Amino acid sequence: MEGFTNERFQMKKHTSPFPHSDTNKRYHTYDYYLRRKFGGKCARITLDAGLTCPNIDGTRGVGGCVFCSRRGSGDFCEDVTLSIAEQFDLRRTAMQRKWAEAKFIPYFQSRSNTYAPVEVLREKFEAALAMPDVVGLAIATRADCLADDVVEYLHELAQRTHLTVELGLQTAHDSTAAAMNRGHTWAEFVAGYEKLRGLDVCVHIVNGLPGETHEMMLDTARAVAELAPRFVKIHMLHLLEGTWLAEMYHVAPFDMLTLEQYAAIVCDQIELLPPEVVLMRLTGDGKAEDLVAPHWTLKKFVVLNEIDKELVRRASWQGAKLKA
C-alpha cells in the first residue's frame, strides 16, 4: 500500500466485500484513495481565481447553466478579492485546527479554471503550489475550455504534482443539457475529455435534473463508465436563490427527488461504475441560507448513511452490475 503508514487508519473491515476499502464502505472513497497515496489526512482548500466561463461571457451562451450559483459553484470559497495566497492561508488555518498534521490540495473551484490565457493560469496555479503543505492541485473546468497550450501546461503540471482536472458533464443527454443552458453537447464533452487522456480526470454528474427519468440518470452513469475516468463526483440537484432554475421553481414548482429516491439512484449508478473509479463525492449541498430545495441535501451524513444502508440491504457494492 503505497505511502500508507498511518496506523490509526488501519481499520478492520467487518462486513464489506469491496476490495478498495479499509472500512465498511462498499465503494471506492476519495478519503481511502488519499490516505493510501499520501499516508494520512489530506484535505482540499477551495479557491476562487476570479475567472469567468464561456457560457457566461457570450462565447457559448449567457447567464450560465440554469442551476449555477452566483459564484459559479464556488459558494464556500473565500473573498475573490483576496490573493490566492491569502485565500489559501485563511482556509488552511481553519482546517489545521481540526487536522493538525493534514496535507492540502488547492482546489480551483469557481467557474471555468482553464478559461484564460495560459500565462494567467500559470500565475494562479503556481502561487497555489508554492503554499506550505501542498501535495497536489485540483482544477475545475469545462470540456470546451481546453486550448492546446493550456492542455500542454496541464500535462507539465502533472509531471510535478498530483494533478486532477475536474470536468462538469452533469448529463450525457443533449436534450437535458440544452434545457439547462449547458452550452455544449455530449460529443463536445467527449472531445475535450480525450484531450486530457493520460491525466487524472474527475467527471461530475447531477441527478434530479428536470425531465430526466431514473433510466436516463443510469444511462449517464453508463456513459461515464465507458470513459473510465480516475474520479467521479455525483451530485443531487439543489436549487439556490439567484439561479434561473430557482426562479422557474418559484413560478411553477416541479417535482424533485426524495432522499429515498436519490439513494436508490446513486446505488444503481455505483453498481455500474468500475471498482477502480474513485467516487470523490456522492452528494452535494449549497449554503443553507441560499437553499430553496430540497432541504434534505443539507444533511450530508444522513444522505451518505442512506446510500450505505441501501448497498448493505442489496448485498451489493461498486461495480457489482458491470457487464463482464
C-alpha atoms as a PDB file:
ATOM      1  CA  MET A   1       0.000   0.000   0.000  1.00  0.00           C
ATOM      2  CA  GLU A   2       1.970   2.926  -1.380  1.00  0.00           C
ATOM      3  CA  GLY A   3       2.591   5.630   1.220  1.00  0.00           C
ATOM      4  CA  PHE A   4       0.100   4.126   3.666  1.00  0.00           C
ATOM      5  CA  THR A   5       1.842   4.349   7.027  1.00  0.00           C
ATOM      6  CA  ASN A   6      -0.603   5.936   9.452  1.00  0.00           C
ATOM      7  CA  GLU A   7      -1.620   3.145  11.858  1.00  0.00           C
ATOM      8  CA  ARG A   8      -4.737   4.888  13.115  1.00  0.00           C
ATOM      9  CA  PHE A   9      -6.302   4.324   9.693  1.00  0.00           C
ATOM     10  CA  GLN A  10      -5.652   0.571   9.756  1.00  0.00           C
ATOM     11  CA  MET A  11      -9.330  -0.162  10.288  1.00  0.00           C
ATOM     12  CA  LYS A  12     -10.522  -3.731  10.246  1.00  0.00           C
ATOM     13  CA  LYS A  13     -13.237  -4.468   7.708  1.00  0.00           C
ATOM     14  CA  HIS A  14     -16.287  -6.149   9.163  1.00  0.00           C
ATOM     15  CA  THR A  15     -18.914  -6.637   6.506  1.00  0.00           C
ATOM     16  CA  SER A  16     -17.789  -5.006   3.263  1.00  0.00           C
ATOM     17  CA  PRO A  17     -16.813  -7.361   0.426  1.00  0.00           C
ATOM     18  CA  PHE A  18     -15.450  -4.410  -1.562  1.00  0.00           C
ATOM     19  CA  PRO A  19     -11.659  -4.630  -2.029  1.00  0.00           C
ATOM     20  CA  HIS A  20     -10.870  -0.886  -2.234  1.00  0.00           C
ATOM     21  CA  SER A  21     -11.887  -0.134   1.341  1.00  0.00           C
ATOM     22  CA  ASP A  22     -10.491  -0.401   4.857  1.00  0.00           C
ATOM     23  CA  THR A  23     -13.854   0.469   6.438  1.00  0.00           C
ATOM     24  CA  ASN A  24     -17.353  -0.834   5.823  1.00  0.00           C
ATOM     25  CA  LYS A  25     -17.810   1.377   2.756  1.00  0.00           C
ATOM     26  CA  ARG A  26     -18.850  -0.568  -0.318  1.00  0.00           C
ATOM     27  CA  TYR A  27     -17.448   1.920  -2.784  1.00  0.00           C
ATOM     28  CA  HIS A  28     -14.065   3.491  -3.538  1.00  0.00           C
ATOM     29  CA  THR A  29     -13.981   6.637  -1.406  1.00  0.00           C
ATOM     30  CA  TYR A  30     -11.747   9.640  -2.010  1.00  0.00           C
ATOM     31  CA  ASP A  31     -10.613   9.530   1.606  1.00  0.00           C
ATOM     32  CA  TYR A  32      -9.387   5.952   1.153  1.00  0.00           C
ATOM     33  CA  TYR A  33      -7.579   6.929  -2.059  1.00  0.00           C
ATOM     34  CA  LEU A  34      -5.842   9.940  -0.472  1.00  0.00           C
ATOM     35  CA  ARG A  35      -4.789   8.103   2.666  1.00  0.00           C
ATOM     36  CA  ARG A  36      -3.186   5.360   0.625  1.00  0.00           C
ATOM     37  CA  LYS A  37      -1.427   7.863  -1.620  1.00  0.00           C
ATOM     38  CA  PHE A  38      -0.231  10.374   0.980  1.00  0.00           C
ATOM     39  CA  GLY A  39      -0.115   8.337   4.188  1.00  0.00           C
ATOM     40  CA  GLY A  40      -2.545  10.411   6.230  1.00  0.00           C
ATOM     41  CA  LYS A  41      -5.241  13.050   6.174  1.00  0.00           C
ATOM     42  CA  CYS A  42      -5.333  15.204   3.068  1.00  0.00           C
ATOM     43  CA  ALA A  43      -7.885  17.996   2.619  1.00  0.00           C
ATOM     44  CA  ARG A  44      -8.909  20.276  -0.219  1.00  0.00           C
ATOM     45  CA  ILE A  45      -8.784  24.047   0.017  1.00  0.00           C
ATOM     46  CA  THR A  46     -11.283  25.763  -2.273  1.00  0.00           C
ATOM     47  CA  LEU A  47     -10.044  28.804  -4.180  1.00  0.00           C
ATOM     48  CA  ASP A  48     -11.624  31.412  -6.434  1.00  0.00           C
ATOM     49  CA  ALA A  49      -9.335  32.539  -9.252  1.00  0.00           C
ATOM     50  CA  GLY A  50     -11.732  35.275 -10.386  1.00  0.00           C
ATOM     51  CA  LEU A  51     -12.226  33.745 -13.833  1.00  0.00           C
ATOM     52  CA  THR A  52     -15.382  33.545 -15.930  1.00  0.00           C
ATOM     53  CA  CYS A  53     -16.961  30.968 -18.236  1.00  0.00           C
ATOM     54  CA  PRO A  54     -17.736  30.762 -21.965  1.00  0.00           C
ATOM     55  CA  ASN A  55     -21.334  30.077 -21.001  1.00  0.00           C
ATOM     56  CA  ILE A  56     -21.478  33.420 -19.198  1.00  0.00           C
ATOM     57  CA  ASP A  57     -19.487  35.833 -21.363  1.00  0.00           C
ATOM     58  CA  GLY A  58     -21.352  35.082 -24.591  1.00  0.00           C
ATOM     59  CA  THR A  59     -18.804  32.789 -26.231  1.00  0.00           C
ATOM     60  CA  ARG A  60     -21.124  29.774 -25.830  1.00  0.00           C
ATOM     61  CA  GLY A  61     -24.019  31.378 -24.017  1.00  0.00           C
ATOM     62  CA  VAL A  62     -25.089  33.978 -21.485  1.00  0.00           C
ATOM     63  CA  GLY A  63     -26.284  33.642 -17.937  1.00  0.00           C
ATOM     64  CA  GLY A  64     -24.571  30.330 -17.309  1.00  0.00           C
ATOM     65  CA  CYS A  65     -26.213  26.983 -16.607  1.00  0.00           C
ATOM     66  CA  VAL A  66     -29.654  27.427 -15.057  1.00  0.00           C
ATOM     67  CA  PHE A  67     -28.547  25.742 -11.810  1.00  0.00           C
ATOM     68  CA  CYS A  68     -25.199  27.546 -11.461  1.00  0.00           C
ATOM     69  CA  SER A  69     -24.860  29.757  -8.379  1.00  0.00           C
ATOM     70  CA  ARG A  70     -23.773  33.369  -8.369  1.00  0.00           C
ATOM     71  CA  ARG A  71     -20.213  32.306  -7.545  1.00  0.00           C
ATOM     72  CA  GLY A  72     -20.070  29.602 -10.166  1.00  0.00           C
ATOM     73  CA  SER A  73     -20.294  26.716  -7.669  1.00  0.00           C
ATOM     74  CA  GLY A  74     -17.611  28.302  -5.503  1.00  0.00           C
ATOM     75  CA  ASP A  75     -20.017  29.303  -2.750  1.00  0.00           C
ATOM     76  CA  PHE A  76     -17.711  28.186   0.055  1.00  0.00           C
ATOM     77  CA  CYS A  77     -14.605  29.932  -1.274  1.00  0.00           C
ATOM     78  CA  GLU A  78     -13.063  32.957   0.411  1.00  0.00           C
ATOM     79  CA  ASP A  79     -13.476  36.500  -0.923  1.00  0.00           C
ATOM     80  CA  VAL A  80     -12.353  36.613  -4.553  1.00  0.00           C
ATOM     81  CA  THR A  81     -10.672  39.983  -3.972  1.00  0.00           C
ATOM     82  CA  LEU A  82      -8.067  38.238  -1.807  1.00  0.00           C
ATOM     83  CA  SER A  83      -4.937  36.854  -3.417  1.00  0.00           C
ATOM     84  CA  ILE A  84      -4.567  33.116  -3.945  1.00  0.00           C
ATOM     85  CA  ALA A  85      -2.092  33.007  -1.049  1.00  0.00           C
ATOM     86  CA  GLU A  86      -4.452  34.897   1.262  1.00  0.00           C
ATOM     87  CA  GLN A  87      -7.407  32.667   0.406  1.00  0.00           C
ATOM     88  CA  PHE A  88      -5.288  29.581   0.977  1.00  0.00           C
ATOM     89  CA  ASP A  89      -3.945  30.787   4.325  1.00  0.00           C
ATOM     90  CA  LEU A  90      -7.396  31.523   5.691  1.00  0.00           C
ATOM     91  CA  ARG A  91      -8.718  28.070   4.828  1.00  0.00           C
ATOM     92  CA  ARG A  92      -5.563  26.258   5.891  1.00  0.00           C
ATOM     93  CA  THR A  93      -5.563  27.916   9.320  1.00  0.00           C
ATOM     94  CA  ALA A  94      -9.168  26.872   9.904  1.00  0.00           C
ATOM     95  CA  MET A  95      -8.590  23.307   8.749  1.00  0.00           C
ATOM     96  CA  GLN A  96      -5.467  22.813  10.822  1.00  0.00           C
ATOM     97  CA  ARG A  97      -7.492  23.401  13.972  1.00  0.00           C
ATOM     98  CA  LYS A  98      -9.243  20.137  13.123  1.00  0.00           C
ATOM     99  CA  TRP A  99      -6.437  18.272  11.359  1.00  0.00           C
ATOM    100  CA  ALA A 100      -3.092  19.500  12.678  1.00  0.00           C
ATOM    101  CA  GLU A 101      -0.992  17.195  10.512  1.00  0.00           C
ATOM    102  CA  ALA A 102      -3.031  17.405   7.319  1.00  0.00           C
ATOM    103  CA  LYS A 103      -1.637  17.925   3.847  1.00  0.00           C
ATOM    104  CA  PHE A 104      -3.560  20.060   1.352  1.00  0.00           C
ATOM    105  CA  ILE A 105      -4.721  20.137  -2.251  1.00  0.00           C
ATOM    106  CA  PRO A 106      -5.650  23.615  -3.540  1.00  0.00           C
ATOM    107  CA  TYR A 107      -8.905  23.320  -5.483  1.00  0.00           C
ATOM    108  CA  PHE A 108      -9.736  25.983  -8.069  1.00  0.00           C
ATOM    109  CA  GLN A 109     -13.496  25.554  -7.944  1.00  0.00           C
ATOM    110  CA  SER A 110     -15.337  28.669  -9.088  1.00  0.00           C
ATOM    111  CA  ARG A 111     -16.427  28.747 -12.729  1.00  0.00           C
ATOM    112  CA  SER A 112     -14.077  27.557 -15.514  1.00  0.00           C
ATOM    113  CA  ASN A 113     -10.470  27.485 -14.396  1.00  0.00           C
ATOM    114  CA  THR A 114      -8.812  26.826 -17.732  1.00  0.00           C
ATOM    115  CA  TYR A 115     -10.697  29.649 -19.438  1.00  0.00           C
ATOM    116  CA  ALA A 116      -7.931  32.266 -19.549  1.00  0.00           C
ATOM    117  CA  PRO A 117      -4.594  32.803 -21.274  1.00  0.00           C
ATOM    118  CA  VAL A 118      -2.055  30.249 -20.139  1.00  0.00           C
ATOM    119  CA  GLU A 119       0.131  32.988 -18.591  1.00  0.00           C
ATOM    120  CA  VAL A 120      -2.759  33.987 -16.293  1.00  0.00           C
ATOM    121  CA  LEU A 121      -3.395  30.384 -15.322  1.00  0.00           C
ATOM    122  CA  ARG A 122       0.269  29.757 -14.684  1.00  0.00           C
ATOM    123  CA  GLU A 123       0.481  32.689 -12.264  1.00  0.00           C
ATOM    124  CA  LYS A 124      -2.505  31.482 -10.249  1.00  0.00           C
ATOM    125  CA  PHE A 125      -1.694  27.770 -10.215  1.00  0.00           C
ATOM    126  CA  GLU A 126       1.967  28.260  -9.357  1.00  0.00           C
ATOM    127  CA  ALA A 127       1.003  30.559  -6.468  1.00  0.00           C
ATOM    128  CA  ALA A 128      -1.142  27.776  -5.029  1.00  0.00           C
ATOM    129  CA  LEU A 129       1.544  25.130  -5.493  1.00  0.00           C
ATOM    130  CA  ALA A 130       4.022  27.326  -3.635  1.00  0.00           C
ATOM    131  CA  MET A 131       1.946  27.295  -0.444  1.00  0.00           C
ATOM    132  CA  PRO A 132       3.041  25.152   2.548  1.00  0.00           C
ATOM    133  CA  ASP A 133       1.916  21.533   2.986  1.00  0.00           C
ATOM    134  CA  VAL A 134       0.603  21.306  -0.579  1.00  0.00           C
ATOM    135  CA  VAL A 135       0.754  17.865  -2.207  1.00  0.00           C
ATOM    136  CA  GLY A 136      -1.386  18.376  -5.294  1.00  0.00           C
ATOM    137  CA  LEU A 137      -3.656  20.600  -7.330  1.00  0.00           C
ATOM    138  CA  ALA A 138      -7.287  20.304  -8.486  1.00  0.00           C
ATOM    139  CA  ILE A 139      -8.714  22.376 -11.316  1.00  0.00           C
ATOM    140  CA  ALA A 140     -12.431  22.526 -12.146  1.00  0.00           C
ATOM    141  CA  THR A 141     -13.381  23.491 -15.683  1.00  0.00           C
ATOM    142  CA  ARG A 142     -15.470  22.670 -18.757  1.00  0.00           C
ATOM    143  CA  ALA A 143     -14.564  20.346 -21.599  1.00  0.00           C
ATOM    144  CA  ASP A 144     -14.892  23.201 -24.091  1.00  0.00           C
ATOM    145  CA  CYS A 145     -12.241  25.306 -22.297  1.00  0.00           C
ATOM    146  CA  LEU A 146      -9.163  23.310 -23.189  1.00  0.00           C
ATOM    147  CA  ALA A 147      -6.964  25.258 -25.586  1.00  0.00           C
ATOM    148  CA  ASP A 148      -3.942  23.350 -26.829  1.00  0.00           C
ATOM    149  CA  ASP A 149      -1.399  25.452 -24.918  1.00  0.00           C
ATOM    150  CA  VAL A 150      -3.449  25.078 -21.732  1.00  0.00           C
ATOM    151  CA  VAL A 151      -3.583  21.292 -22.176  1.00  0.00           C
ATOM    152  CA  GLU A 152       0.176  21.274 -22.682  1.00  0.00           C
ATOM    153  CA  TYR A 153       0.615  23.186 -19.413  1.00  0.00           C
ATOM    154  CA  LEU A 154      -1.695  20.761 -17.590  1.00  0.00           C
ATOM    155  CA  HIS A 155       0.451  17.851 -18.723  1.00  0.00           C
ATOM    156  CA  GLU A 156       3.509  19.732 -17.497  1.00  0.00           C
ATOM    157  CA  LEU A 157       1.861  20.276 -14.098  1.00  0.00           C
ATOM    158  CA  ALA A 158       1.041  16.577 -13.850  1.00  0.00           C
ATOM    159  CA  GLN A 159       4.747  15.797 -14.049  1.00  0.00           C
ATOM    160  CA  ARG A 160       5.379  17.969 -10.972  1.00  0.00           C
ATOM    161  CA  THR A 161       2.390  17.393  -8.712  1.00  0.00           C
ATOM    162  CA  HIS A 162      -0.690  15.262  -8.134  1.00  0.00           C
ATOM    163  CA  LEU A 163      -3.000  16.978 -10.622  1.00  0.00           C
ATOM    164  CA  THR A 164      -6.731  16.391 -11.007  1.00  0.00           C
ATOM    165  CA  VAL A 165      -8.742  18.101 -13.738  1.00  0.00           C
ATOM    166  CA  GLU A 166     -12.474  18.176 -12.981  1.00  0.00           C
ATOM    167  CA  LEU A 167     -14.917  18.357 -15.878  1.00  0.00           C
ATOM    168  CA  GLY A 168     -18.569  19.177 -15.396  1.00  0.00           C
ATOM    169  CA  LEU A 169     -20.684  16.890 -17.546  1.00  0.00           C
ATOM    170  CA  GLN A 170     -23.884  16.799 -15.464  1.00  0.00           C
ATOM    171  CA  THR A 171     -25.773  14.698 -18.035  1.00  0.00           C
ATOM    172  CA  ALA A 172     -24.976  12.677 -21.137  1.00  0.00           C
ATOM    173  CA  HIS A 173     -28.343  13.645 -22.673  1.00  0.00           C
ATOM    174  CA  ASP A 174     -28.175  16.549 -25.097  1.00  0.00           C
ATOM    175  CA  SER A 175     -31.867  17.370 -24.667  1.00  0.00           C
ATOM    176  CA  THR A 176     -31.398  17.924 -20.931  1.00  0.00           C
ATOM    177  CA  ALA A 177     -28.148  19.817 -21.443  1.00  0.00           C
ATOM    178  CA  ALA A 178     -29.892  22.193 -23.860  1.00  0.00           C
ATOM    179  CA  ALA A 179     -32.778  22.733 -21.431  1.00  0.00           C
ATOM    180  CA  MET A 180     -30.269  23.512 -18.677  1.00  0.00           C
ATOM    181  CA  ASN A 181     -28.431  26.003 -20.933  1.00  0.00           C
ATOM    182  CA  ARG A 182     -25.326  23.853 -20.563  1.00  0.00           C
ATOM    183  CA  GLY A 183     -23.744  25.235 -23.729  1.00  0.00           C
ATOM    184  CA  HIS A 184     -22.125  22.054 -25.050  1.00  0.00           C
ATOM    185  CA  THR A 185     -23.123  18.605 -26.250  1.00  0.00           C
ATOM    186  CA  TRP A 186     -22.083  15.124 -25.168  1.00  0.00           C
ATOM    187  CA  ALA A 187     -19.892  14.852 -28.283  1.00  0.00           C
ATOM    188  CA  GLU A 188     -18.120  18.102 -27.397  1.00  0.00           C
ATOM    189  CA  PHE A 189     -17.604  16.856 -23.845  1.00  0.00           C
ATOM    190  CA  VAL A 190     -16.005  13.640 -25.107  1.00  0.00           C
ATOM    191  CA  ALA A 191     -13.749  15.614 -27.471  1.00  0.00           C
ATOM    192  CA  GLY A 192     -12.493  17.706 -24.552  1.00  0.00           C
ATOM    193  CA  TYR A 193     -12.112  14.651 -22.337  1.00  0.00           C
ATOM    194  CA  GLU A 194      -9.957  12.962 -24.971  1.00  0.00           C
ATOM    195  CA  LYS A 195      -7.561  15.927 -24.898  1.00  0.00           C
ATOM    196  CA  LEU A 196      -6.841  15.058 -21.270  1.00  0.00           C
ATOM    197  CA  ARG A 197      -6.019  11.385 -21.799  1.00  0.00           C
ATOM    198  CA  GLY A 198      -3.105  10.496 -19.567  1.00  0.00           C
ATOM    199  CA  LEU A 199      -4.228  12.871 -16.813  1.00  0.00           C
ATOM    200  CA  ASP A 200      -6.333  12.123 -13.751  1.00  0.00           C
ATOM    201  CA  VAL A 201      -9.789  13.432 -14.651  1.00  0.00           C
ATOM    202  CA  CYS A 202     -12.878  13.732 -12.459  1.00  0.00           C
ATOM    203  CA  VAL A 203     -16.264  13.755 -14.218  1.00  0.00           C
ATOM    204  CA  HIS A 204     -19.204  15.452 -12.475  1.00  0.00           C
ATOM    205  CA  ILE A 205     -22.771  14.241 -12.952  1.00  0.00           C
ATOM    206  CA  VAL A 206     -26.024  15.594 -11.480  1.00  0.00           C
ATOM    207  CA  ASN A 207     -29.085  13.557 -10.550  1.00  0.00           C
ATOM    208  CA  GLY A 208     -32.584  15.014 -10.484  1.00  0.00           C
ATOM    209  CA  LEU A 209     -32.336  17.378 -13.446  1.00  0.00           C
ATOM    210  CA  PRO A 210     -35.847  18.353 -14.591  1.00  0.00           C
ATOM    211  CA  GLY A 211     -37.309  15.939 -17.118  1.00  0.00           C
ATOM    212  CA  GLU A 212     -34.803  13.155 -16.537  1.00  0.00           C
ATOM    213  CA  THR A 213     -36.053   9.690 -15.672  1.00  0.00           C
ATOM    214  CA  HIS A 214     -34.346   7.140 -13.455  1.00  0.00           C
ATOM    215  CA  GLU A 215     -33.143   5.278 -16.545  1.00  0.00           C
ATOM    216  CA  MET A 216     -31.733   8.459 -18.115  1.00  0.00           C
ATOM    217  CA  MET A 217     -29.621   9.035 -14.999  1.00  0.00           C
ATOM    218  CA  LEU A 218     -28.357   5.464 -15.209  1.00  0.00           C
ATOM    219  CA  ASP A 219     -27.534   5.999 -18.882  1.00  0.00           C
ATOM    220  CA  THR A 220     -25.317   8.929 -17.871  1.00  0.00           C
ATOM    221  CA  ALA A 221     -23.513   6.684 -15.379  1.00  0.00           C
ATOM    222  CA  ARG A 222     -23.050   4.023 -18.070  1.00  0.00           C
ATOM    223  CA  ALA A 223     -21.636   6.607 -20.483  1.00  0.00           C
ATOM    224  CA  VAL A 224     -19.188   7.859 -17.847  1.00  0.00           C
ATOM    225  CA  ALA A 225     -18.162   4.290 -17.005  1.00  0.00           C
ATOM    226  CA  GLU A 226     -17.230   3.793 -20.653  1.00  0.00           C
ATOM    227  CA  LEU A 227     -14.879   6.784 -20.434  1.00  0.00           C
ATOM    228  CA  ALA A 228     -13.159   5.207 -17.389  1.00  0.00           C
ATOM    229  CA  PRO A 229     -12.130   8.440 -15.607  1.00  0.00           C
ATOM    230  CA  ARG A 230      -9.962   8.263 -12.486  1.00  0.00           C
ATOM    231  CA  PHE A 231     -12.621  10.034 -10.389  1.00  0.00           C
ATOM    232  CA  VAL A 232     -16.371  10.689 -10.454  1.00  0.00           C
ATOM    233  CA  LYS A 233     -18.490  13.145  -8.483  1.00  0.00           C
ATOM    234  CA  ILE A 234     -22.217  12.501  -8.130  1.00  0.00           C
ATOM    235  CA  HIS A 235     -24.397  15.443  -7.099  1.00  0.00           C
ATOM    236  CA  MET A 236     -28.048  15.918  -6.268  1.00  0.00           C
ATOM    237  CA  LEU A 237     -29.599  18.903  -7.984  1.00  0.00           C
ATOM    238  CA  HIS A 238     -30.223  21.583  -5.386  1.00  0.00           C
ATOM    239  CA  LEU A 239     -31.867  24.916  -6.108  1.00  0.00           C
ATOM    240  CA  LEU A 240     -30.188  28.082  -4.876  1.00  0.00           C
ATOM    241  CA  GLU A 241     -31.627  31.573  -4.712  1.00  0.00           C
ATOM    242  CA  GLY A 242     -30.371  33.754  -7.519  1.00  0.00           C
ATOM    243  CA  THR A 243     -30.275  30.959 -10.109  1.00  0.00           C
ATOM    244  CA  TRP A 244     -32.512  30.732 -13.150  1.00  0.00           C
ATOM    245  CA  LEU A 245     -33.747  27.312 -12.076  1.00  0.00           C
ATOM    246  CA  ALA A 246     -34.807  28.553  -8.639  1.00  0.00           C
ATOM    247  CA  GLU A 247     -36.753  31.375 -10.280  1.00  0.00           C
ATOM    248  CA  MET A 248     -38.518  28.834 -12.509  1.00  0.00           C
ATOM    249  CA  TYR A 249     -39.301  26.734  -9.442  1.00  0.00           C
ATOM    250  CA  HIS A 250     -40.816  29.694  -7.595  1.00  0.00           C
ATOM    251  CA  VAL A 251     -43.146  30.341 -10.547  1.00  0.00           C
ATOM    252  CA  ALA A 252     -44.018  26.710 -11.316  1.00  0.00           C
ATOM    253  CA  PRO A 253     -42.701  24.195  -8.747  1.00  0.00           C
ATOM    254  CA  PHE A 254     -41.595  20.862 -10.211  1.00  0.00           C
ATOM    255  CA  ASP A 255     -41.049  17.511  -8.548  1.00  0.00           C
ATOM    256  CA  MET A 256     -37.630  16.870  -7.053  1.00  0.00           C
ATOM    257  CA  LEU A 257     -36.137  13.593  -5.899  1.00  0.00           C
ATOM    258  CA  THR A 258     -36.769  12.468  -2.347  1.00  0.00           C
ATOM    259  CA  LEU A 259     -33.872  11.272  -0.218  1.00  0.00           C
ATOM    260  CA  GLU A 260     -35.004   7.666  -0.690  1.00  0.00           C
ATOM    261  CA  GLN A 261     -35.242   8.036  -4.468  1.00  0.00           C
ATOM    262  CA  TYR A 262     -31.846   9.698  -4.637  1.00  0.00           C
ATOM    263  CA  ALA A 263     -30.152   6.996  -2.552  1.00  0.00           C
ATOM    264  CA  ALA A 264     -31.622   4.285  -4.776  1.00  0.00           C
ATOM    265  CA  ILE A 265     -30.443   6.017  -7.966  1.00  0.00           C
ATOM    266  CA  VAL A 266     -26.937   6.584  -6.597  1.00  0.00           C
ATOM    267  CA  CYS A 267     -26.666   2.940  -5.573  1.00  0.00           C
ATOM    268  CA  ASP A 268     -27.768   1.892  -9.062  1.00  0.00           C
ATOM    269  CA  GLN A 269     -25.064   4.152 -10.518  1.00  0.00           C
ATOM    270  CA  ILE A 270     -22.410   2.879  -8.107  1.00  0.00           C
ATOM    271  CA  GLU A 271     -23.151  -0.682  -9.235  1.00  0.00           C
ATOM    272  CA  LEU A 272     -22.426   0.390 -12.837  1.00  0.00           C
ATOM    273  CA  LEU A 273     -19.085   2.118 -12.180  1.00  0.00           C
ATOM    274  CA  PRO A 274     -15.797   0.185 -12.284  1.00  0.00           C
ATOM    275  CA  PRO A 275     -14.356  -0.560  -8.808  1.00  0.00           C
ATOM    276  CA  GLU A 276     -11.139   1.325  -9.638  1.00  0.00           C
ATOM    277  CA  VAL A 277     -13.007   4.608 -10.213  1.00  0.00           C
ATOM    278  CA  VAL A 278     -12.718   6.789  -7.108  1.00  0.00           C
ATOM    279  CA  LEU A 279     -16.037   8.287  -6.024  1.00  0.00           C
ATOM    280  CA  MET A 280     -14.929  11.687  -4.894  1.00  0.00           C
ATOM    281  CA  ARG A 281     -18.441  12.782  -3.884  1.00  0.00           C
ATOM    282  CA  LEU A 282     -21.868  11.145  -3.620  1.00  0.00           C
ATOM    283  CA  THR A 283     -23.903  14.214  -2.741  1.00  0.00           C
ATOM    284  CA  GLY A 284     -23.592  17.974  -2.654  1.00  0.00           C
ATOM    285  CA  ASP A 285     -25.120  20.972  -0.979  1.00  0.00           C
ATOM    286  CA  GLY A 286     -25.229  24.734  -1.135  1.00  0.00           C
ATOM    287  CA  LYS A 287     -25.219  27.388   1.537  1.00  0.00           C
ATOM    288  CA  ALA A 288     -28.150  26.848   3.877  1.00  0.00           C
ATOM    289  CA  GLU A 289     -29.257  30.475   3.647  1.00  0.00           C
ATOM    290  CA  ASP A 290     -29.493  30.231  -0.162  1.00  0.00           C
ATOM    291  CA  LEU A 291     -31.084  26.791  -0.446  1.00  0.00           C
ATOM    292  CA  VAL A 292     -34.591  26.673  -1.934  1.00  0.00           C
ATOM    293  CA  ALA A 293     -34.966  22.885  -2.245  1.00  0.00           C
ATOM    294  CA  PRO A 294     -34.600  20.053  -1.403  1.00  0.00           C
ATOM    295  CA  HIS A 295     -33.709  20.697   2.232  1.00  0.00           C
ATOM    296  CA  TRP A 296     -32.629  17.132   2.901  1.00  0.00           C
ATOM    297  CA  THR A 297     -29.449  17.838   0.921  1.00  0.00           C
ATOM    298  CA  LEU A 298     -28.144  19.845   3.873  1.00  0.00           C
ATOM    299  CA  LYS A 299     -27.768  16.641   5.924  1.00  0.00           C
ATOM    300  CA  LYS A 300     -24.849  15.117   4.046  1.00  0.00           C
ATOM    301  CA  PHE A 301     -24.096  12.422   6.604  1.00  0.00           C
ATOM    302  CA  VAL A 302     -27.722  11.323   6.548  1.00  0.00           C
ATOM    303  CA  VAL A 303     -27.580  11.054   2.755  1.00  0.00           C
ATOM    304  CA  LEU A 304     -24.367   9.005   2.876  1.00  0.00           C
ATOM    305  CA  ASN A 305     -25.823   6.756   5.556  1.00  0.00           C
ATOM    306  CA  GLU A 306     -28.883   6.069   3.398  1.00  0.00           C
ATOM    307  CA  ILE A 307     -26.620   5.109   0.493  1.00  0.00           C
ATOM    308  CA  ASP A 308     -24.529   2.839   2.742  1.00  0.00           C
ATOM    309  CA  LYS A 309     -27.642   1.176   4.173  1.00  0.00           C
ATOM    310  CA  GLU A 310     -29.120   0.600   0.729  1.00  0.00           C
ATOM    311  CA  LEU A 311     -25.957  -1.105  -0.536  1.00  0.00           C
ATOM    312  CA  VAL A 312     -25.956  -3.352   2.521  1.00  0.00           C
ATOM    313  CA  ARG A 313     -29.641  -4.131   2.033  1.00  0.00           C
ATOM    314  CA  ARG A 314     -28.895  -5.160  -1.552  1.00  0.00           C
ATOM    315  CA  ALA A 315     -25.742  -7.069  -0.556  1.00  0.00           C
ATOM    316  CA  SER A 316     -24.093  -5.039  -3.312  1.00  0.00           C
ATOM    317  CA  TRP A 317     -21.048  -2.836  -3.986  1.00  0.00           C
ATOM    318  CA  GLN A 318     -19.366  -0.666  -6.596  1.00  0.00           C
ATOM    319  CA  GLY A 319     -19.153  -2.414  -9.952  1.00  0.00           C
ATOM    320  CA  ALA A 320     -21.455  -5.258  -8.941  1.00  0.00           C
ATOM    321  CA  LYS A 321     -23.522  -4.917 -12.123  1.00  0.00           C
ATOM    322  CA  LEU A 322     -20.745  -4.217 -14.588  1.00  0.00           C
ATOM    323  CA  LYS A 323     -21.078  -6.332 -17.695  1.00  0.00           C
ATOM    324  CA  ALA A 324     -18.269  -8.893 -17.969  1.00  0.00           C
END
